[in-house]
């Protein structure tokens, strides 16, 4: 989609620039062993209908009982989003019929959610940042899953997810581009993972987003929005917004109007398609659930949870910059995933933090990405990488040998120090041995010697030859000094 020359967030159309306005409803599955209103397991991947209690199946006379762990997780999430915690909230029935919703209604929260307004600071790839307001966070139960391709004439229903606790995190319409939206979901997922309130696994459907998209001419009132339901990857969120914004602009520029509706994103075709006309709140006939008392807790309960909160991404980034002297970019990369931040801290302990950051970001993460692994399954442990950095620092090995050593540890494992000893990888610091190699190369290349005397930068060729001749083991600093003396530079 062509961006405007004036503002990269504006989209160029036939009649001028347009602004896309995005709000998001992110559904995050609460990390808890049992469901929101029953004791059934939330484990992923069980046999169909094997994690279903009588409450989840909506058997007559079965009453819901609130799971306190889910309440604690919602409060902790609210605190992590710097949001207002409401000491009193109400569960409502949201009435709609769907085959995998056994009760014929969903227990959710409407006018009185457990968490009120908050804010998320979103850092963008270009170094800028945007504040995204949080409207509310409420607790609700998930529906089951309908499957339509397992039988020629029947649809099958699996109720394992039915009743699983979700937090619906509703943003304000503060996002203005697909890049901002992707960065927002990444940051939100990072916060939830640091808190331990949702694992953020989008492949399992544990984090998914409903994306509200509208377009307008800059400065004009908000346009009619369309909601794209259940997008389950950050890449797809970006693609869905790009397509939907352009679709709406094309309709408006041709003199049409936007119908408020719910749409689905088709990743195969890279387009959104109409699903149904958009429901309004009154269509769901919300009313307080008569089986559940209002949820109430005091300030002391909230303060006790607040006292146990872990260090969150923004705080960790600020500490990495202040304590380790890292750039804002490097700190931002390292804190994006908690496991990466923990790995880096283990490597940096008692070592040069900038060297540690460089190796974790470039060598380790680069290799992990190439092989489709995450840091939790890294073949090189923080202890092993730390040992490689120690070998560089005490000049036992050169930077080039360190990369070869990293490769050996990645493929074969083992103690880096023992590998250096066993394979004779130690750096040559014996100036006599280096001098001998330098003399041979200088004697064999008089034309290059003459060139270096008029162009000192040509010394680089000699350095390369000496390093090659020594199998990368010569100390580069010693090589440089000896060459300069021999060439009279």
Protein backbone atom coordinates (compact mmCIF):
# COMPACT_ATOMS: atom_id res chain seq x y z
CA UNK A 1 0.00 0.00 0.00
CA UNK A 2 1.48 3.34 -1.04
CA UNK A 3 2.30 5.63 1.88
CA UNK A 4 1.95 9.37 1.62
CA UNK A 5 5.13 11.40 1.12
CA UNK A 6 3.99 13.78 3.91
CA UNK A 7 3.33 11.15 6.57
CA UNK A 8 4.27 7.45 6.32
CA UNK A 9 1.16 6.54 8.35
CA UNK A 10 -1.15 8.10 5.72
CA UNK A 11 -2.28 6.06 2.70
CA UNK A 12 -2.28 7.65 -0.72
CA UNK A 13 -5.58 7.38 -2.59
CA UNK A 14 -6.98 8.76 -5.86
CA UNK A 15 -8.58 11.69 -4.02
CA UNK A 16 -5.71 12.45 -1.61
CA UNK A 17 -4.37 11.04 1.63
CA UNK A 18 -6.34 8.78 3.98
CA UNK A 19 -5.75 7.82 7.60
CA UNK A 20 -6.45 4.32 8.90
CA UNK A 21 -7.83 4.11 12.46
CA UNK A 22 -7.34 0.83 14.31
CA UNK A 23 -8.65 -0.47 17.61
CA UNK A 24 -8.05 -3.99 18.88
CA UNK A 25 -9.77 -6.53 21.09
CA UNK A 26 -7.16 -9.09 22.06
CA UNK A 27 -8.40 -12.35 23.59
CA UNK A 28 -5.74 -13.82 25.85
CA UNK A 29 -6.22 -17.25 27.40
CA UNK A 30 -5.56 -16.99 31.13
CA UNK A 31 -2.75 -19.19 32.42
CA UNK A 32 -4.50 -21.42 34.96
CA UNK A 33 -4.83 -25.17 35.39
CA UNK A 34 -8.62 -25.14 35.47
CA UNK A 35 -11.41 -23.25 33.74
CA UNK A 36 -13.08 -19.98 34.75
CA UNK A 37 -16.17 -21.52 36.39
CA UNK A 38 -15.34 -25.23 36.70
CA UNK A 39 -12.54 -27.55 37.78
CA UNK A 40 -12.03 -29.05 34.30
CA UNK A 41 -8.50 -29.04 32.89
CA UNK A 42 -7.29 -26.33 30.48
CA UNK A 43 -4.50 -28.55 29.06
CA UNK A 44 -4.08 -28.23 25.31
CA UNK A 45 -4.40 -31.17 22.92
CA UNK A 46 -6.58 -33.63 24.85
CA UNK A 47 -8.95 -36.04 23.13
CA UNK A 48 -12.11 -34.17 22.00
CA UNK A 49 -14.53 -33.59 24.88
CA UNK A 50 -12.16 -35.10 27.46
CA UNK A 51 -11.75 -31.87 29.49
CA UNK A 52 -15.42 -31.09 30.02
CA UNK A 53 -17.26 -30.79 33.34
CA UNK A 54 -21.03 -30.81 33.77
CA UNK A 55 -20.85 -27.00 34.10
CA UNK A 56 -19.00 -26.65 30.76
CA UNK A 57 -21.57 -28.88 29.06
CA UNK A 58 -24.41 -26.76 30.58
CA UNK A 59 -26.17 -29.69 32.21
CA UNK A 60 -29.41 -28.63 34.01
CA UNK A 61 -28.93 -27.31 37.53
CA UNK A 62 -25.13 -26.93 37.24
CA UNK A 63 -23.94 -23.64 38.77
CA UNK A 64 -20.72 -21.76 37.92
CA UNK A 65 -18.14 -21.14 40.67
CA UNK A 66 -15.47 -18.48 40.07
CA UNK A 67 -11.85 -19.66 39.86
CA UNK A 68 -9.87 -17.30 42.11
CA UNK A 69 -6.61 -17.91 40.23
CA UNK A 70 -8.20 -16.45 37.07
CA UNK A 71 -9.25 -13.36 39.08
CA UNK A 72 -5.68 -12.95 40.38
CA UNK A 73 -4.28 -13.28 36.85
CA UNK A 74 -6.66 -10.62 35.51
CA UNK A 75 -5.68 -8.20 38.31
CA UNK A 76 -1.97 -8.83 37.68
CA UNK A 77 -2.54 -8.16 33.97
CA UNK A 78 -4.31 -4.89 34.80
CA UNK A 79 -1.40 -3.84 37.03
CA UNK A 80 1.06 -4.70 34.24
CA UNK A 81 -0.93 -2.46 31.87
CA UNK A 82 -0.84 0.41 34.42
CA UNK A 83 -4.63 0.21 34.51
CA UNK A 84 -7.31 0.99 37.08
CA UNK A 85 -8.35 -2.08 39.04
CA UNK A 86 -12.07 -2.12 39.88
CA UNK A 87 -12.69 -3.52 43.35
CA UNK A 88 -16.21 -4.47 42.30
CA UNK A 89 -17.11 -6.03 38.96
CA UNK A 90 -20.13 -7.87 37.61
CA UNK A 91 -20.50 -10.95 35.40
CA UNK A 92 -23.13 -10.69 32.67
CA UNK A 93 -24.80 -13.08 30.31
CA UNK A 94 -24.11 -12.29 26.66
CA UNK A 95 -26.88 -14.06 24.77
CA UNK A 96 -26.26 -15.63 21.38
CA UNK A 97 -26.77 -19.09 19.96
CA UNK A 98 -23.96 -21.11 18.50
CA UNK A 99 -23.60 -24.93 18.46
CA UNK A 100 -20.35 -24.88 20.45
CA UNK A 101 -21.82 -22.59 23.15
CA UNK A 102 -23.79 -25.14 25.19
CA UNK A 103 -25.51 -22.64 27.54
CA UNK A 104 -26.87 -20.51 24.70
CA UNK A 105 -25.06 -17.57 26.34
CA UNK A 106 -21.52 -16.62 27.28
CA UNK A 107 -20.65 -15.48 30.80
CA UNK A 108 -18.71 -12.25 30.25
CA UNK A 109 -18.46 -8.74 31.71
CA UNK A 110 -20.07 -5.69 30.15
CA UNK A 111 -20.63 -2.44 32.02
CA UNK A 112 -18.55 -3.31 35.11
CA UNK A 113 -15.29 -5.02 34.07
CA UNK A 114 -12.57 -6.13 36.48
CA UNK A 115 -9.97 -3.75 34.92
CA UNK A 116 -10.53 -0.20 33.66
CA UNK A 117 -8.39 2.23 31.68
CA UNK A 118 -4.64 1.70 31.23
CA UNK A 119 -1.84 2.40 28.77
CA UNK A 120 0.81 0.50 26.76
CA UNK A 121 3.98 2.18 25.49
CA UNK A 122 4.75 0.70 22.07
CA UNK A 123 8.25 1.03 20.59
CA UNK A 124 8.39 1.02 16.79
CA UNK A 125 11.14 -0.31 14.49
CA UNK A 126 12.14 3.23 13.40
CA UNK A 127 12.97 4.21 17.00
CA UNK A 128 9.79 6.21 17.63
CA UNK A 129 7.09 5.15 20.07
CA UNK A 130 3.33 5.48 20.46
CA UNK A 131 1.08 5.33 23.52
CA UNK A 132 -1.93 3.06 23.12
CA UNK A 133 -4.77 3.53 25.58
CA UNK A 134 -6.41 0.46 27.11
CA UNK A 135 -10.17 0.88 27.43
CA UNK A 136 -10.81 -2.14 29.69
CA UNK A 137 -9.90 -5.74 30.44
CA UNK A 138 -12.68 -8.15 31.27
CA UNK A 139 -12.93 -11.83 32.09
CA UNK A 140 -15.09 -14.18 30.05
CA UNK A 141 -15.40 -17.84 29.17
CA UNK A 142 -14.34 -19.23 25.80
CA UNK A 143 -16.64 -21.21 23.51
CA UNK A 144 -15.95 -24.72 22.20
CA UNK A 145 -14.81 -25.56 18.70
CA UNK A 146 -16.91 -26.70 15.72
CA UNK A 147 -15.25 -28.92 13.11
CA UNK A 148 -16.84 -29.23 9.68
CA UNK A 149 -14.40 -31.43 7.74
CA UNK A 150 -14.37 -34.67 9.78
CA UNK A 151 -17.68 -36.10 8.57
CA UNK A 152 -19.50 -35.95 5.21
CA UNK A 153 -22.85 -34.80 6.61
CA UNK A 154 -22.28 -33.73 10.22
CA UNK A 155 -20.44 -30.96 12.05
CA UNK A 156 -18.63 -32.12 15.18
CA UNK A 157 -18.29 -30.13 18.41
CA UNK A 158 -15.34 -30.30 20.83
CA UNK A 159 -16.06 -28.64 24.18
CA UNK A 160 -12.51 -28.89 25.60
CA UNK A 161 -12.12 -25.09 25.24
CA UNK A 162 -15.65 -24.37 26.47
CA UNK A 163 -15.39 -22.42 29.72
CA UNK A 164 -11.64 -21.72 29.47
CA UNK A 165 -10.91 -18.28 30.97
CA UNK A 166 -10.14 -15.46 28.57
CA UNK A 167 -9.10 -11.88 29.23
CA UNK A 168 -10.44 -9.55 26.57
CA UNK A 169 -8.06 -6.59 26.36
CA UNK A 170 -9.79 -3.73 24.53
CA UNK A 171 -7.65 -0.89 23.18
CA UNK A 172 -8.73 2.62 22.31
CA UNK A 173 -8.65 3.50 18.58
CA UNK A 174 -5.12 4.91 18.95
CA UNK A 175 -3.28 2.89 16.28
CA UNK A 176 -2.65 4.46 12.88
CA UNK A 177 -0.84 1.84 10.79
CA UNK A 178 -0.43 -1.90 10.36
CA UNK A 179 3.15 -1.56 11.70
CA UNK A 180 1.87 0.08 14.88
CA UNK A 181 -0.79 -2.62 15.28
CA UNK A 182 1.78 -5.43 14.91
CA UNK A 183 4.15 -3.73 17.37
CA UNK A 184 1.27 -3.26 19.84
CA UNK A 185 0.31 -6.95 19.81
CA UNK A 186 3.99 -7.93 20.15
CA UNK A 187 4.39 -5.64 23.17
CA UNK A 188 1.14 -6.84 24.74
CA UNK A 189 2.19 -10.47 24.30
CA UNK A 190 5.58 -9.66 25.83
CA UNK A 191 3.95 -8.05 28.91
CA UNK A 192 1.59 -11.02 29.38
CA UNK A 193 4.48 -13.48 29.14
CA UNK A 194 6.59 -11.54 31.64
CA UNK A 195 3.62 -11.53 34.03
CA UNK A 196 2.94 -15.23 33.42
CA UNK A 197 -0.77 -14.49 32.88
CA UNK A 198 -0.94 -15.83 29.27
CA UNK A 199 1.60 -17.86 27.31
CA UNK A 200 0.84 -15.84 24.14
CA UNK A 201 0.91 -18.95 21.91
CA UNK A 202 -0.97 -17.77 18.84
CA UNK A 203 -0.63 -21.09 17.03
CA UNK A 204 -2.73 -22.76 19.74
CA UNK A 205 -5.23 -19.89 19.70
CA UNK A 206 -4.19 -18.77 23.18
CA UNK A 207 -3.80 -15.21 21.92
CA UNK A 208 -5.95 -13.93 19.07
CA UNK A 209 -7.20 -10.54 17.99
CA UNK A 210 -10.37 -8.95 16.67
CA UNK A 211 -9.16 -5.95 14.64
CA UNK A 212 -11.43 -2.93 14.12
CA UNK A 213 -10.48 -0.93 11.01
CA UNK A 214 -11.91 2.32 9.63
CA UNK A 215 -10.53 5.04 7.36
CA UNK A 216 -11.00 8.80 7.21
CA UNK A 217 -9.51 11.92 5.68
CA UNK A 218 -7.03 13.38 8.22
CA UNK A 219 -8.78 15.54 10.81
CA UNK A 220 -12.27 14.28 9.96
CA UNK A 221 -14.53 12.28 12.35
CA UNK A 222 -14.06 8.53 12.63
CA UNK A 223 -15.45 6.51 9.71
CA UNK A 224 -17.62 3.38 9.89
CA UNK A 225 -15.54 0.49 11.17
CA UNK A 226 -15.41 -3.16 10.18
CA UNK A 227 -14.27 -5.84 12.61
CA UNK A 228 -11.95 -8.62 11.43
CA UNK A 229 -12.50 -11.59 13.74
CA UNK A 230 -10.05 -14.03 15.30
CA UNK A 231 -6.76 -13.17 13.57
CA UNK A 232 -4.18 -15.54 15.06
CA UNK A 233 -0.78 -14.28 13.89
CA UNK A 234 0.98 -10.93 14.06
CA UNK A 235 1.89 -11.16 10.37
CA UNK A 236 -1.74 -11.81 9.44
CA UNK A 237 -2.87 -8.84 11.57
CA UNK A 238 -0.66 -6.58 9.43
CA UNK A 239 -1.88 -8.12 6.16
CA UNK A 240 -5.55 -7.92 7.20
CA UNK A 241 -5.26 -4.21 8.09
CA UNK A 242 -3.45 -3.37 4.83
CA UNK A 243 -6.08 -5.13 2.73
CA UNK A 244 -9.09 -3.82 4.67
CA UNK A 245 -7.90 -0.19 4.67
CA UNK A 246 -7.39 -0.27 0.91
CA UNK A 247 -10.76 -1.98 0.37
CA UNK A 248 -12.56 0.74 2.33
CA UNK A 249 -10.66 3.57 0.60
CA UNK A 250 -11.56 2.15 -2.84
CA UNK A 251 -15.26 1.95 -1.91
CA UNK A 252 -15.35 5.52 -0.53
CA UNK A 253 -13.44 6.96 -3.50
CA UNK A 254 -15.96 5.37 -5.85
CA UNK A 255 -18.79 7.14 -3.98
CA UNK A 256 -19.92 4.11 -1.95
CA UNK A 257 -20.48 3.73 1.80
CA UNK A 258 -18.93 1.33 4.29
CA UNK A 259 -21.30 -1.19 5.85
CA UNK A 260 -20.54 -1.92 9.50
CA UNK A 261 -19.92 -5.64 9.51
CA UNK A 262 -17.84 -8.50 10.86
CA UNK A 263 -15.29 -9.93 8.42
CA UNK A 264 -12.82 -12.83 8.34
CA UNK A 265 -9.25 -12.75 7.05
CA UNK A 266 -8.27 -15.43 4.54
CA UNK A 267 -4.46 -15.86 4.84
CA UNK A 268 -4.31 -17.93 1.63
CA UNK A 269 -5.80 -15.14 -0.48
CA UNK A 270 -4.50 -12.29 1.71
CA UNK A 271 -7.95 -10.68 1.83
CA UNK A 272 -10.88 -10.11 4.16
CA UNK A 273 -14.38 -11.31 3.36
CA UNK A 274 -17.79 -10.58 4.84
CA UNK A 275 -18.97 -12.89 7.62
CA UNK A 276 -22.09 -11.18 9.02
CA UNK A 277 -23.51 -7.75 9.78
CA UNK A 278 -21.95 -6.29 12.92
CA UNK A 279 -23.85 -6.86 16.14
CA UNK A 280 -24.35 -4.05 18.65
CA UNK A 281 -24.35 -4.54 22.42
CA UNK A 282 -28.17 -4.45 22.58
CA UNK A 283 -28.32 -7.42 20.18
CA UNK A 284 -26.74 -9.59 22.88
CA UNK A 285 -29.33 -8.64 25.56
CA UNK A 286 -26.70 -8.37 28.32
CA UNK A 287 -27.95 -8.77 31.87
CA UNK A 288 -26.19 -9.62 35.18
CA UNK A 289 -25.77 -13.37 35.57
CA UNK A 290 -28.19 -14.41 38.34
CA UNK A 291 -25.98 -17.39 39.30
CA UNK A 292 -22.97 -15.22 40.20
CA UNK A 293 -22.64 -12.58 42.89
CA UNK A 294 -20.72 -9.39 42.03
CA UNK A 295 -16.96 -9.99 42.29
CA UNK A 296 -15.52 -7.91 45.15
CA UNK A 297 -12.07 -7.59 46.72
CA UNK A 298 -10.30 -4.90 48.76
CA UNK A 299 -7.23 -2.72 48.12
CA UNK A 300 -5.05 -4.94 50.32
CA UNK A 301 -5.74 -7.88 47.98
CA UNK A 302 -4.58 -5.81 45.00
CA UNK A 303 -1.53 -4.44 46.82
CA UNK A 304 -0.41 -7.96 47.77
CA UNK A 305 -0.51 -8.97 44.08
CA UNK A 306 1.26 -5.74 43.08
CA UNK A 307 4.11 -6.46 45.51
CA UNK A 308 4.79 -9.79 43.75
CA UNK A 309 4.88 -8.43 40.18
CA UNK A 310 8.05 -9.27 38.23
CA UNK A 311 10.19 -6.67 36.46
CA UNK A 312 8.29 -5.80 33.27
CA UNK A 313 9.74 -5.17 29.77
CA UNK A 314 9.92 -1.34 29.97
CA UNK A 315 11.60 -1.43 33.39
CA UNK A 316 14.05 -4.10 32.23
CA UNK A 317 14.93 -2.10 29.11
CA UNK A 318 15.61 1.03 31.20
CA UNK A 319 17.82 -1.00 33.57
CA UNK A 320 19.78 -2.57 30.69
CA UNK A 321 20.47 0.92 29.29
CA UNK A 322 21.41 2.42 32.68
CA UNK A 323 23.33 -0.51 34.21
CA UNK A 324 24.89 -2.13 31.16
CA UNK A 325 25.32 0.93 28.94
CA UNK A 326 23.43 -0.71 26.06
CA UNK A 327 21.86 1.28 23.23
CA UNK A 328 18.08 1.67 23.33
CA UNK A 329 17.87 -0.55 20.21
CA UNK A 330 19.94 -3.41 21.67
CA UNK A 331 18.08 -3.24 24.99
CA UNK A 332 14.76 -3.30 23.10
CA UNK A 333 15.75 -6.41 21.14
CA UNK A 334 16.94 -8.23 24.26
CA UNK A 335 13.86 -7.54 26.40
CA UNK A 336 11.27 -8.42 23.73
CA UNK A 337 11.20 -12.01 25.03
CA UNK A 338 11.75 -12.73 28.72
CA UNK A 339 13.82 -15.85 27.96
CA UNK A 340 16.21 -13.83 25.77
CA UNK A 341 16.59 -11.16 28.48
CA UNK A 342 17.32 -13.83 31.12
CA UNK A 343 19.84 -15.55 28.82
CA UNK A 344 21.62 -12.25 28.14
CA UNK A 345 21.84 -11.42 31.86
CA UNK A 346 23.39 -14.81 32.57
CA UNK A 347 25.99 -14.26 29.82
CA UNK A 348 26.70 -10.63 30.83
CA UNK A 349 27.25 -11.46 34.51
CA UNK A 350 30.80 -10.29 35.29
CA UNK A 351 31.64 -9.75 31.59
CA UNK A 352 31.60 -6.93 29.04
CA UNK A 353 27.83 -6.39 28.60
CA UNK A 354 28.17 -4.85 25.14
CA UNK A 355 30.13 -7.86 23.88
CA UNK A 356 27.52 -10.15 25.50
CA UNK A 357 24.68 -8.22 23.82
CA UNK A 358 26.46 -8.36 20.46
CA UNK A 359 26.89 -12.14 20.62
CA UNK A 360 23.37 -12.84 21.88
CA UNK A 361 21.70 -10.57 19.30
CA UNK A 362 23.85 -11.30 16.24
CA UNK A 363 25.43 -14.75 16.53
CA UNK A 364 22.98 -16.61 18.75
CA UNK A 365 19.61 -15.08 17.79
CA UNK A 366 20.63 -14.96 14.13
CA UNK A 367 21.43 -18.69 14.17
CA UNK A 368 18.26 -19.54 16.13
CA UNK A 369 16.10 -17.63 13.62
CA UNK A 370 17.83 -19.36 10.72
CA UNK A 371 17.03 -22.77 12.17
CA UNK A 372 13.52 -21.87 13.38
CA UNK A 373 14.36 -22.45 17.05
CA UNK A 374 13.56 -20.33 20.10
CA UNK A 375 16.07 -19.48 22.79
CA UNK A 376 14.63 -22.12 25.12
CA UNK A 377 15.89 -24.81 22.72
CA UNK A 378 19.28 -23.22 22.02
CA UNK A 379 22.06 -25.84 21.69
CA UNK A 380 24.49 -23.27 23.17
CA UNK A 381 23.80 -22.52 26.83
CA UNK A 382 24.42 -19.15 28.48
CA UNK A 383 27.28 -20.79 30.41
CA UNK A 384 28.92 -22.00 27.18
CA UNK A 385 28.56 -18.65 25.42
CA UNK A 386 29.97 -16.94 28.51
CA UNK A 387 33.01 -19.24 28.35
CA UNK A 388 33.57 -18.30 24.68
CA UNK A 389 33.49 -14.59 25.66
CA UNK A 390 36.01 -15.27 28.46
CA UNK A 391 38.36 -16.90 25.94
CA UNK A 392 38.14 -13.82 23.71
CA UNK A 393 38.63 -11.45 26.65
CA UNK A 394 41.78 -13.18 27.92
CA UNK A 395 43.11 -13.31 24.31
CA UNK A 396 43.20 -17.12 24.26
CA UNK A 397 41.32 -17.01 20.96
CA UNK A 398 40.66 -14.39 18.29
CA UNK A 399 37.19 -13.17 17.24
CA UNK A 400 37.39 -15.31 14.10
CA UNK A 401 38.30 -18.46 16.02
CA UNK A 402 35.48 -17.63 18.47
CA UNK A 403 32.96 -17.90 15.63
CA UNK A 404 34.42 -21.28 14.63
CA UNK A 405 34.28 -22.37 18.28
CA UNK A 406 30.64 -21.25 18.54
CA UNK A 407 29.89 -23.44 15.50
CA UNK A 408 31.56 -26.46 17.13
CA UNK A 409 29.65 -25.96 20.42
CA UNK A 410 26.37 -25.47 18.51
CA UNK A 411 26.81 -28.76 16.61
CA UNK A 412 28.67 -30.92 19.11
CA UNK A 413 28.25 -29.34 22.56
CA UNK A 414 31.05 -29.54 25.12
CA UNK A 415 33.14 -27.18 27.26
CA UNK A 416 34.58 -24.39 25.05
CA UNK A 417 37.88 -24.29 27.02
CA UNK A 418 38.39 -28.04 26.64
CA UNK A 419 37.61 -27.80 22.89
CA UNK A 420 40.21 -25.02 22.43
CA UNK A 421 42.86 -27.15 24.20
CA UNK A 422 41.99 -30.38 22.40
CA UNK A 423 41.86 -28.87 18.92
CA UNK A 424 44.77 -26.45 19.22
CA UNK A 425 42.67 -23.37 18.61
CA UNK A 426 44.68 -21.06 20.87
CA UNK A 427 45.63 -17.70 19.44
CA UNK A 428 49.29 -17.32 18.42
CA UNK A 429 50.77 -14.45 20.40
CA UNK A 430 54.39 -15.52 19.88
CA UNK A 431 55.72 -12.48 17.99
CA UNK A 432 58.66 -14.51 16.63
CA UNK A 433 56.34 -16.98 14.90
CA UNK A 434 54.17 -14.15 13.53
CA UNK A 435 57.25 -12.23 12.36
CA UNK A 436 58.41 -15.28 10.39
CA UNK A 437 55.08 -15.46 8.51
CA UNK A 438 55.11 -11.67 7.90
CA UNK A 439 58.67 -11.81 6.49
CA UNK A 440 57.69 -14.58 4.05
CA UNK A 441 54.63 -12.69 2.76
CA UNK A 442 56.46 -9.34 2.48
CA UNK A 443 59.38 -10.99 0.56
CA UNK A 444 56.96 -12.68 -1.86
CA UNK A 445 54.98 -9.53 -2.67
CA UNK A 446 57.27 -6.53 -3.42
CA UNK A 447 54.60 -4.85 -5.58
CA UNK A 448 52.11 -4.97 -2.68
CA UNK A 449 54.81 -3.55 -0.35
CA UNK A 450 55.28 -0.54 -2.68
CA UNK A 451 51.51 -0.07 -2.82
CA UNK A 452 51.24 -0.10 0.99
CA UNK A 453 53.90 2.60 1.34
CA UNK A 454 51.84 5.02 -0.80
CA UNK A 455 48.44 3.76 0.41
CA UNK A 456 48.56 2.73 4.11
CA UNK A 457 45.06 1.20 3.86
CA UNK A 458 46.58 -1.54 1.66
CA UNK A 459 48.03 -3.02 4.87
CA UNK A 460 44.65 -4.78 5.19
CA UNK A 461 45.66 -7.18 2.41
CA UNK A 462 48.78 -8.20 4.35
CA UNK A 463 46.77 -8.69 7.57
CA UNK A 464 44.36 -10.97 5.69
CA UNK A 465 47.23 -13.03 4.24
CA UNK A 466 48.93 -13.47 7.63
CA UNK A 467 45.65 -14.48 9.28
CA UNK A 468 44.97 -16.94 6.46
CA UNK A 469 48.46 -18.40 6.71
CA UNK A 470 48.08 -18.88 10.48
CA UNK A 471 44.63 -20.44 10.17
CA UNK A 472 43.11 -17.40 11.88
CA UNK A 473 45.13 -18.05 15.05
CA UNK A 474 47.52 -15.08 14.87
CA UNK A 475 46.71 -12.25 17.27
CA UNK A 476 45.37 -9.53 14.89
CA UNK A 477 46.76 -6.71 17.08
CA UNK A 478 50.26 -8.22 17.02
CA UNK A 479 50.00 -8.80 13.25
CA UNK A 480 49.14 -5.13 12.69
CA UNK A 481 52.00 -3.86 14.85
CA UNK A 482 54.61 -6.14 13.22
CA UNK A 483 53.40 -5.28 9.69
CA UNK A 484 53.57 -1.54 10.37
CA UNK A 485 57.15 -1.90 11.64
CA UNK A 486 58.23 -4.08 8.69
CA UNK A 487 56.60 -1.81 6.08
CA UNK A 488 57.81 1.37 7.72
CA UNK A 489 54.29 2.78 8.18
